[in-house]
Amino acid sequence: MTAHRKPLGSLSVSPLSLGGNVFGWTADEPQSFAVLDAYVAGGGNFIDTADVYSAWAPGNKGGESETVLGNWLASRGNRDQVVVATKVGAHPDLKGLAPTTIKAAVDASLTRLRTDYIDLYYTHYDDESLAVSDFLPALDELVKAGKVREIAASNISAPRLEAALTFSAEENLARYVAVQPHYNLVSRDTYEGDLADTAARHGVAAVPYYALASGFLTGKYRPDSDVDSARSQKAAEYLSTDRGRKVLAALDTVAATHQAEHATVALAWLAAQPTVAAPIASARTVDQLPALMSAADLHLTQDDLTLLDEASA
């Protein structure tokens, strides 16, 4: 992966963010360490996790991913070389964005991450039971205290993003520098339109999650395939849609043209979209990484982009 960086407020991040949702879930600690080592060795510096990862897995309670990441940071002694993003608001014991919840959650995350600061702190889901004026001052306090460098919002609507940015400007508070939407070739509706327009107007970057649609956009899921993966049921759902089949055919064409992996093409398409700074993709094993990291070096032609756009429209 070419080592060019993208700005996120005061941060400088690699063009692919490594998703940490698998750490402590489908990848144990040694596997996770190997993936993290390979990602950094390949030029990556932007790691995404959340305090809730992976509470959904049997026997887990949330915080497992942060713990694995924290152990890796401590063992490698490279905290100042990586940009760590985590999230608040979805942990089973700390739901929502009440100021007391935010303050308790950030301290718990810092403990698990074994660090004294978080580079990028997302509100995991918008808490519409609160006005933005109720929780943005609490996030600003974290920045002023040095516990957080920049703030961002995942799963937020255009009106709430606009309201948050306006309030931060009026009150001279820390402002969201990024949004993390569900966005990929088979899921374009959530981000494109009002939310993308609002982000562009305010200079807010997008860091899309589900960039590979639970693995569907790797091309390994086919009508008669049987893939051993925790995400195979979700990925297979896309095969039942007209859009999914058209996108897969377009990916086949573009991947063959460039002699590239399907995942590489899907990520390169996403990276070429307005406002997108760094798609998020996770790897359970080291051998899954090259296809992800190659996306930064794949130049899609206008014909490639048009073919993919039309298939996914």
Protein backbone atom coordinates (compact mmCIF):
# COMPACT_ATOMS: atom_id res chain seq x y z
CA MET A 1 0.00 0.00 0.00
CA THR A 2 1.44 3.32 -1.05
CA ALA A 3 2.17 5.31 2.08
CA HIS A 4 0.25 8.46 1.12
CA ARG A 5 -1.93 9.77 3.91
CA LYS A 6 -5.33 11.42 4.10
CA PRO A 7 -6.23 14.20 6.54
CA LEU A 8 -8.89 13.71 9.23
CA GLY A 9 -8.84 16.95 11.15
CA SER A 10 -5.39 17.03 12.77
CA LEU A 11 -4.86 13.33 12.05
CA SER A 12 -3.09 11.78 9.06
CA VAL A 13 -4.36 8.34 8.11
CA SER A 14 -3.58 5.61 5.61
CA PRO A 15 -6.07 5.11 2.74
CA LEU A 16 -7.30 1.81 4.20
CA SER A 17 -8.52 1.50 7.76
CA LEU A 18 -8.10 -1.93 9.32
CA GLY A 19 -11.32 -3.08 10.94
CA GLY A 20 -10.89 -4.52 14.41
CA ASN A 21 -14.32 -6.14 14.74
CA VAL A 22 -12.78 -9.60 14.25
CA PHE A 23 -10.19 -9.23 17.02
CA GLY A 24 -11.19 -11.45 19.92
CA TRP A 25 -14.04 -12.89 17.85
CA THR A 26 -13.14 -14.81 14.68
CA ALA A 27 -9.44 -13.97 15.13
CA ASP A 28 -7.80 -14.89 18.44
CA GLU A 29 -5.02 -12.79 19.90
CA PRO A 30 -2.08 -14.42 18.05
CA GLN A 31 -3.96 -14.22 14.73
CA SER A 32 -4.91 -10.60 15.43
CA PHE A 33 -1.32 -9.68 16.29
CA ALA A 34 -0.12 -11.22 13.01
CA VAL A 35 -2.69 -9.25 11.00
CA LEU A 36 -1.85 -6.01 12.81
CA ASP A 37 1.88 -6.54 12.29
CA ALA A 38 1.40 -7.19 8.57
CA TYR A 39 -0.91 -4.20 8.16
CA VAL A 40 1.58 -1.79 9.75
CA ALA A 41 4.50 -3.37 7.87
CA GLY A 42 2.56 -2.73 4.65
CA GLY A 43 2.19 0.97 5.38
CA GLY A 44 -1.10 1.06 7.28
CA ASN A 45 -1.59 3.19 10.39
CA PHE A 46 -5.39 3.53 10.89
CA ILE A 47 -7.11 0.93 13.10
CA ASP A 48 -10.84 0.95 13.81
CA THR A 49 -12.51 -0.69 16.79
CA ALA A 50 -15.38 -0.06 19.26
CA ASP A 51 -16.12 -0.71 22.90
CA VAL A 52 -18.99 -3.05 21.94
CA TYR A 53 -16.81 -5.40 19.81
CA SER A 54 -17.61 -8.28 20.14
CA ALA A 55 -20.45 -8.45 22.63
CA TRP A 56 -22.55 -10.43 20.14
CA ALA A 57 -20.26 -13.47 20.29
CA PRO A 58 -21.08 -16.24 22.80
CA GLY A 59 -19.04 -15.76 25.96
CA ASN A 60 -18.02 -12.18 25.10
CA LYS A 61 -19.30 -9.08 26.84
CA GLY A 62 -17.85 -6.24 24.75
CA GLY A 63 -14.38 -4.74 24.87
CA GLU A 64 -12.59 -7.84 23.56
CA SER A 65 -11.34 -6.08 20.42
CA GLU A 66 -10.02 -3.09 22.36
CA THR A 67 -8.26 -5.45 24.77
CA VAL A 68 -6.51 -7.32 21.96
CA LEU A 69 -5.52 -4.06 20.30
CA GLY A 70 -4.27 -2.64 23.60
CA ASN A 71 -2.16 -5.72 24.25
CA TRP A 72 -0.67 -5.43 20.76
CA LEU A 73 0.13 -1.72 21.20
CA ALA A 74 1.81 -2.44 24.52
CA SER A 75 3.82 -5.36 23.21
CA ARG A 76 5.00 -3.51 20.09
CA GLY A 77 5.65 -0.15 21.76
CA ASN A 78 4.29 1.69 18.72
CA ARG A 79 1.40 3.72 20.10
CA ASP A 80 2.61 6.97 18.56
CA GLN A 81 2.85 5.38 15.11
CA VAL A 82 -0.79 4.33 14.75
CA VAL A 83 -4.12 6.15 14.66
CA VAL A 84 -6.60 4.39 16.95
CA ALA A 85 -10.31 4.92 16.39
CA THR A 86 -12.91 3.58 18.79
CA LYS A 87 -16.54 4.29 19.59
CA VAL A 88 -18.95 5.08 22.42
CA GLY A 89 -22.63 4.42 22.91
CA ALA A 90 -23.31 0.77 22.03
CA HIS A 91 -21.62 -1.24 24.79
CA PRO A 92 -24.26 -3.33 26.61
CA ASP A 93 -23.41 -1.64 29.92
CA LEU A 94 -22.93 1.87 28.51
CA LYS A 95 -25.57 2.61 25.93
CA GLY A 96 -26.43 6.06 24.63
CA LEU A 97 -24.65 9.41 24.75
CA ALA A 98 -25.49 10.85 28.14
CA PRO A 99 -22.45 12.78 29.43
CA THR A 100 -21.98 10.40 32.36
CA THR A 101 -22.06 7.45 29.95
CA ILE A 102 -19.48 9.05 27.69
CA LYS A 103 -17.15 9.80 30.59
CA ALA A 104 -17.38 6.26 31.97
CA ALA A 105 -17.02 4.67 28.53
CA VAL A 106 -13.94 6.61 27.48
CA ASP A 107 -12.10 5.65 30.67
CA ALA A 108 -13.03 1.99 30.18
CA SER A 109 -11.80 2.13 26.57
CA LEU A 110 -8.53 3.81 27.57
CA THR A 111 -7.93 1.08 30.15
CA ARG A 112 -8.53 -1.72 27.65
CA LEU A 113 -6.46 0.01 24.97
CA ARG A 114 -3.65 0.54 27.49
CA THR A 115 -3.16 4.12 26.37
CA ASP A 116 -3.86 7.59 27.71
CA TYR A 117 -5.45 8.97 24.54
CA ILE A 118 -7.73 7.95 21.68
CA ASP A 119 -7.00 9.49 18.28
CA LEU A 120 -10.52 9.39 16.84
CA TYR A 121 -13.58 8.90 19.05
CA TYR A 122 -16.89 8.13 17.35
CA THR A 123 -20.39 8.35 18.67
CA HIS A 124 -21.33 4.83 17.56
CA TYR A 125 -25.01 5.60 17.03
CA ASP A 126 -26.80 8.89 17.25
CA ASP A 127 -28.81 9.23 20.48
CA GLU A 128 -31.88 11.08 19.30
CA SER A 129 -33.31 11.14 22.82
CA LEU A 130 -30.80 13.94 23.43
CA ALA A 131 -30.19 17.29 21.78
CA VAL A 132 -26.72 17.64 20.28
CA SER A 133 -26.14 20.32 22.92
CA ASP A 134 -26.51 17.64 25.59
CA PHE A 135 -23.53 15.50 24.55
CA LEU A 136 -21.20 17.58 22.38
CA PRO A 137 -19.87 19.55 25.40
CA ALA A 138 -18.96 16.21 27.03
CA LEU A 139 -17.01 15.18 23.93
CA ASP A 140 -15.34 18.59 23.85
CA GLU A 141 -14.24 18.11 27.46
CA LEU A 142 -12.51 14.87 26.46
CA VAL A 143 -10.58 16.72 23.77
CA LYS A 144 -9.60 19.51 26.14
CA ALA A 145 -8.51 16.93 28.72
CA GLY A 146 -6.27 15.22 26.16
CA LYS A 147 -8.14 11.92 26.32
CA VAL A 148 -9.34 12.27 22.72
CA ARG A 149 -7.68 14.02 19.78
CA GLU A 150 -10.61 14.25 17.32
CA ILE A 151 -14.30 13.32 17.38
CA ALA A 152 -16.49 11.77 14.71
CA ALA A 153 -19.94 10.27 14.20
CA SER A 154 -21.00 6.85 13.00
CA ASN A 155 -24.58 6.11 11.91
CA ILE A 156 -25.85 9.68 11.86
CA SER A 157 -28.44 11.39 9.68
CA ALA A 158 -27.81 14.47 7.58
CA PRO A 159 -30.00 16.76 9.73
CA ARG A 160 -28.29 15.66 12.94
CA LEU A 161 -24.84 16.03 11.40
CA GLU A 162 -25.77 19.54 10.29
CA ALA A 163 -27.10 20.36 13.76
CA ALA A 164 -23.99 19.01 15.46
CA LEU A 165 -21.59 20.92 13.23
CA THR A 166 -23.59 24.11 13.61
CA PHE A 167 -23.66 23.82 17.41
CA SER A 168 -19.94 23.10 17.60
CA ALA A 169 -19.20 26.16 15.47
CA GLU A 170 -21.50 28.44 17.49
CA GLU A 171 -20.11 27.28 20.84
CA ASN A 172 -16.48 26.90 19.71
CA LEU A 173 -16.45 23.22 20.62
CA ALA A 174 -14.65 20.26 19.06
CA ARG A 175 -16.41 19.34 15.82
CA TYR A 176 -16.95 16.07 14.02
CA VAL A 177 -14.15 15.60 11.47
CA ALA A 178 -15.47 12.34 10.02
CA VAL A 179 -18.56 10.25 9.56
CA GLN A 180 -18.66 6.47 9.42
CA PRO A 181 -21.57 5.38 7.23
CA HIS A 182 -22.68 1.96 5.98
CA TYR A 183 -21.51 2.36 2.39
CA ASN A 184 -20.39 -0.02 -0.36
CA LEU A 185 -21.22 -1.07 -3.90
CA VAL A 186 -24.42 -2.86 -2.88
CA SER A 187 -25.45 -0.39 -0.16
CA ARG A 188 -25.26 3.15 -1.51
CA ASP A 189 -28.56 4.65 -0.35
CA THR A 190 -27.63 5.33 3.28
CA TYR A 191 -24.77 7.66 2.46
CA GLU A 192 -25.22 9.07 -1.02
CA GLY A 193 -27.51 12.08 -1.19
CA ASP A 194 -28.17 14.33 1.80
CA LEU A 195 -25.57 12.85 4.15
CA ALA A 196 -22.75 12.90 1.60
CA ASP A 197 -23.75 16.41 0.53
CA THR A 198 -23.69 17.63 4.13
CA ALA A 199 -20.29 16.04 4.73
CA ALA A 200 -18.89 17.59 1.55
CA ARG A 201 -20.25 21.04 2.35
CA HIS A 202 -18.59 21.03 5.78
CA GLY A 203 -15.35 19.30 4.80
CA VAL A 204 -16.15 16.17 6.81
CA ALA A 205 -14.47 12.97 5.60
CA ALA A 206 -16.21 9.60 5.24
CA VAL A 207 -14.73 6.38 6.63
CA PRO A 208 -17.21 3.75 5.38
CA TYR A 209 -17.86 0.51 7.23
CA TYR A 210 -19.10 -2.76 5.69
CA ALA A 211 -16.91 -1.71 2.77
CA LEU A 212 -16.95 -5.29 1.46
CA ALA A 213 -20.58 -6.02 2.35
CA SER A 214 -19.78 -8.75 4.90
CA GLY A 215 -17.41 -10.34 2.40
CA PHE A 216 -19.83 -10.45 -0.54
CA LEU A 217 -17.68 -8.05 -2.56
CA THR A 218 -14.66 -10.36 -2.30
CA GLY A 219 -16.33 -12.42 -5.04
CA LYS A 220 -16.02 -15.68 -3.12
CA TYR A 221 -19.76 -16.00 -2.59
CA ARG A 222 -21.47 -17.56 -5.61
CA PRO A 223 -24.91 -19.18 -6.10
CA ASP A 224 -23.52 -22.69 -5.57
CA SER A 225 -20.74 -21.80 -3.14
CA ASP A 226 -20.43 -22.92 0.48
CA VAL A 227 -18.01 -20.62 2.30
CA ASP A 228 -16.99 -21.36 5.87
CA SER A 229 -17.37 -17.91 7.42
CA ALA A 230 -19.22 -16.33 10.33
CA ARG A 231 -20.55 -13.78 7.84
CA SER A 232 -21.55 -16.15 5.03
CA GLN A 233 -25.30 -15.97 5.66
CA LYS A 234 -25.36 -12.17 5.45
CA ALA A 235 -23.10 -12.09 2.41
CA ALA A 236 -25.18 -14.73 0.64
CA GLU A 237 -28.29 -12.54 0.99
CA TYR A 238 -26.87 -10.17 -1.63
CA LEU A 239 -26.85 -12.99 -4.17
CA SER A 240 -30.64 -13.07 -4.04
CA THR A 241 -30.93 -9.47 -5.25
CA ASP A 242 -30.73 -8.15 -8.80
CA ARG A 243 -28.30 -5.46 -7.69
CA GLY A 244 -26.04 -8.02 -6.05
CA ARG A 245 -25.83 -10.18 -9.15
CA LYS A 246 -25.16 -7.17 -11.41
CA VAL A 247 -22.43 -5.87 -9.11
CA LEU A 248 -20.77 -9.28 -8.99
CA ALA A 249 -20.75 -9.46 -12.80
CA ALA A 250 -19.27 -5.95 -13.04
CA LEU A 251 -16.61 -6.85 -10.47
CA ASP A 252 -15.76 -9.95 -12.51
CA THR A 253 -15.16 -7.75 -15.55
CA VAL A 254 -13.11 -5.03 -13.87
CA ALA A 255 -11.08 -7.49 -11.80
CA ALA A 256 -10.18 -9.45 -14.93
CA THR A 257 -9.20 -6.25 -16.77
CA HIS A 258 -6.76 -5.23 -14.04
CA GLN A 259 -5.79 -8.76 -12.94
CA ALA A 260 -6.86 -7.69 -9.48
CA GLU A 261 -8.84 -9.26 -6.66
CA HIS A 262 -12.55 -8.43 -6.42
CA ALA A 263 -12.03 -6.94 -2.96
CA THR A 264 -9.31 -4.68 -4.33
CA VAL A 265 -11.65 -3.35 -7.02
CA ALA A 266 -14.56 -2.85 -4.59
CA LEU A 267 -12.38 -0.87 -2.19
CA ALA A 268 -10.82 1.16 -5.00
CA TRP A 269 -14.31 2.12 -6.21
CA LEU A 270 -15.22 3.24 -2.70
CA ALA A 271 -12.00 5.21 -2.28
CA ALA A 272 -12.75 7.04 -5.54
CA GLN A 273 -16.06 8.40 -4.24
CA PRO A 274 -16.32 12.04 -3.13
CA THR A 275 -15.47 12.67 0.56
CA VAL A 276 -14.22 9.11 1.20
CA ALA A 277 -10.89 9.17 3.04
CA ALA A 278 -10.39 5.53 4.02
CA PRO A 279 -12.73 2.55 3.68
CA ILE A 280 -12.70 0.11 6.59
CA ALA A 281 -12.06 -3.57 5.90
CA SER A 282 -11.17 -6.35 8.30
CA ALA A 283 -8.93 -9.37 7.84
CA ARG A 284 -9.10 -12.51 9.93
CA THR A 285 -5.83 -13.86 8.54
CA VAL A 286 -2.68 -12.34 7.08
CA ASP A 287 -3.33 -13.84 3.65
CA GLN A 288 -6.53 -11.78 3.37
CA LEU A 289 -4.61 -8.50 3.70
CA PRO A 290 -2.88 -8.05 0.32
CA ALA A 291 -6.14 -7.74 -1.60
CA LEU A 292 -7.30 -5.04 0.80
CA MET A 293 -4.08 -3.06 0.91
CA SER A 294 -3.62 -3.13 -2.87
CA ALA A 295 -6.71 -0.96 -3.33
CA ALA A 296 -4.75 2.22 -2.66
CA ASP A 297 -2.56 1.49 -5.68
CA LEU A 298 -5.29 0.45 -8.12
CA HIS A 299 -6.32 3.19 -10.53
CA LEU A 300 -9.79 2.55 -11.92
CA THR A 301 -10.53 4.16 -15.26
CA GLN A 302 -13.64 6.21 -15.89
CA ASP A 303 -15.04 3.26 -17.84
CA ASP A 304 -14.43 0.99 -14.83
CA LEU A 305 -16.17 3.43 -12.50
CA THR A 306 -19.11 3.87 -14.87
CA LEU A 307 -19.58 0.10 -15.22
CA LEU A 308 -19.57 -0.33 -11.44
CA ASP A 309 -21.81 2.72 -10.88
CA GLU A 310 -24.42 1.47 -13.32
CA ALA A 311 -24.40 -2.06 -11.94
CA SER A 312 -24.83 -0.81 -8.39
CA ALA A 313 -27.32 2.01 -9.07
